């Protein structure tokens, strides 16, 4: 696609879209500006941990949690996934140059 606009999504944005947090409308409106989305492979673990915590805290049922996990997996499978190995070296270098954590730099990188 020519002039494709791309963005990196973090777990909080994805969970907001799926679980309908207060920021969901804002995030949805901003997403329309982009054509392609990227995530870390870690996003799968973080997303499913978020759902697991909701089940453990009894804010959602196990059945609802399983449904949400299926929806989450379907959404994540549409995104370009980047592995830890693919971004670590660049993120480490960037973190030192920008004086931010390696975790945050991995999203910038």
Protein backbone atom coordinates (compact mmCIF):
# COMPACT_ATOMS: atom_id res chain seq x y z
CA UNK A 1 0.00 0.00 0.00
CA UNK A 2 1.42 3.40 -0.95
CA UNK A 3 1.63 5.97 1.86
CA UNK A 4 0.55 3.39 4.43
CA UNK A 5 0.19 4.76 7.93
CA UNK A 6 1.31 2.32 10.59
CA UNK A 7 1.10 2.27 14.38
CA UNK A 8 2.23 0.11 17.27
CA UNK A 9 -0.49 -0.96 19.69
CA UNK A 10 0.22 -1.76 23.30
CA UNK A 11 -1.77 -4.11 25.48
CA UNK A 12 -3.67 -1.36 27.27
CA UNK A 13 -5.06 -0.04 23.97
CA UNK A 14 -6.06 -3.52 22.83
CA UNK A 15 -7.70 -4.39 26.13
CA UNK A 16 -9.54 -1.07 26.10
CA UNK A 17 -11.01 -1.95 22.71
CA UNK A 18 -12.05 -5.42 23.83
CA UNK A 19 -13.15 -4.73 27.41
CA UNK A 20 -14.64 -1.30 26.65
CA UNK A 21 -12.76 0.91 29.11
CA UNK A 22 -13.42 4.63 29.45
CA UNK A 23 -10.79 5.45 26.81
CA UNK A 24 -12.26 3.10 24.19
CA UNK A 25 -13.94 5.81 22.09
CA UNK A 26 -10.77 7.91 22.00
CA UNK A 27 -8.66 4.93 20.95
CA UNK A 28 -11.16 3.83 18.28
CA UNK A 29 -11.21 7.33 16.79
CA UNK A 30 -7.42 7.44 16.59
CA UNK A 31 -7.14 3.98 15.04
CA UNK A 32 -9.07 5.06 11.95
CA UNK A 33 -6.04 7.12 10.93
CA UNK A 34 -3.90 4.01 10.41
CA UNK A 35 -3.80 1.22 7.84
CA UNK A 36 -1.59 -1.31 9.58
CA UNK A 37 -0.84 -2.20 13.19
CA UNK A 38 2.11 -3.82 14.94
CA UNK A 39 2.39 -5.54 18.32
CA UNK A 40 5.04 -7.32 20.40
CA UNK A 41 4.74 -11.06 20.81
CA UNK A 42 4.55 -10.24 24.53
CA UNK A 43 1.15 -8.63 23.85
CA UNK A 44 -0.44 -12.08 23.74
CA UNK A 45 0.75 -12.87 27.28
CA UNK A 46 -0.12 -9.44 28.65
CA UNK A 47 -3.59 -9.51 27.11
CA UNK A 48 -4.47 -12.96 28.38
CA UNK A 49 -3.06 -12.09 31.81
CA UNK A 50 -5.41 -9.09 31.90
CA UNK A 51 -8.38 -11.37 31.22
CA UNK A 52 -7.14 -13.96 33.72
CA UNK A 53 -6.91 -11.26 36.42
CA UNK A 54 -10.52 -10.25 35.70
CA UNK A 55 -11.63 -13.86 36.12
CA UNK A 56 -9.63 -14.27 39.35
CA UNK A 57 -11.10 -11.05 40.77
CA UNK A 58 -14.61 -12.25 39.83
CA UNK A 59 -15.27 -9.21 37.67
CA UNK A 60 -16.06 -11.57 34.76
CA UNK A 61 -17.16 -15.20 34.69
CA UNK A 62 -14.98 -18.00 33.37
CA UNK A 63 -17.34 -18.40 30.40
CA UNK A 64 -17.18 -14.68 29.60
CA UNK A 65 -13.41 -14.81 30.04
CA UNK A 66 -13.14 -17.63 27.53
CA UNK A 67 -15.25 -15.68 25.05
CA UNK A 68 -13.10 -12.58 25.55
CA UNK A 69 -9.94 -14.68 25.08
CA UNK A 70 -11.30 -15.96 21.77
CA UNK A 71 -12.11 -12.39 20.64
CA UNK A 72 -8.68 -11.20 21.76
CA UNK A 73 -6.91 -13.98 19.90
CA UNK A 74 -8.90 -13.21 16.74
CA UNK A 75 -7.98 -9.52 16.93
CA UNK A 76 -4.30 -10.12 17.66
CA UNK A 77 -4.00 -12.57 14.78
CA UNK A 78 -4.85 -9.70 12.39
CA UNK A 79 -1.86 -7.63 13.52
CA UNK A 80 1.82 -7.80 12.55
CA UNK A 81 3.62 -9.50 15.44
CA UNK A 82 7.25 -8.65 16.20
CA UNK A 83 9.33 -11.05 18.28
CA UNK A 84 11.50 -10.19 21.23
CA UNK A 85 14.62 -11.20 19.29
CA UNK A 86 13.69 -8.93 16.41
CA UNK A 87 13.57 -5.73 18.48
CA UNK A 88 15.72 -6.26 21.58
CA UNK A 89 19.06 -4.95 20.33
CA UNK A 90 17.56 -1.82 18.77
CA UNK A 91 15.37 -1.21 21.79
CA UNK A 92 18.34 -1.48 24.18
CA UNK A 93 20.33 1.03 22.17
CA UNK A 94 17.39 3.39 21.87
CA UNK A 95 16.64 3.16 25.60
CA UNK A 96 20.12 4.42 26.45
CA UNK A 97 19.95 7.22 23.86
CA UNK A 98 16.47 8.36 24.93
CA UNK A 99 16.92 7.66 28.67
CA UNK A 100 13.79 5.49 28.79
CA UNK A 101 13.20 1.88 29.82
CA UNK A 102 13.99 -0.92 27.39
CA UNK A 103 10.31 -1.88 27.56
CA UNK A 104 9.19 1.60 26.45
CA UNK A 105 11.95 1.81 23.86
CA UNK A 106 10.76 -1.44 22.33
CA UNK A 107 7.52 0.30 21.34
CA UNK A 108 9.38 3.30 19.91
CA UNK A 109 11.83 1.08 18.04
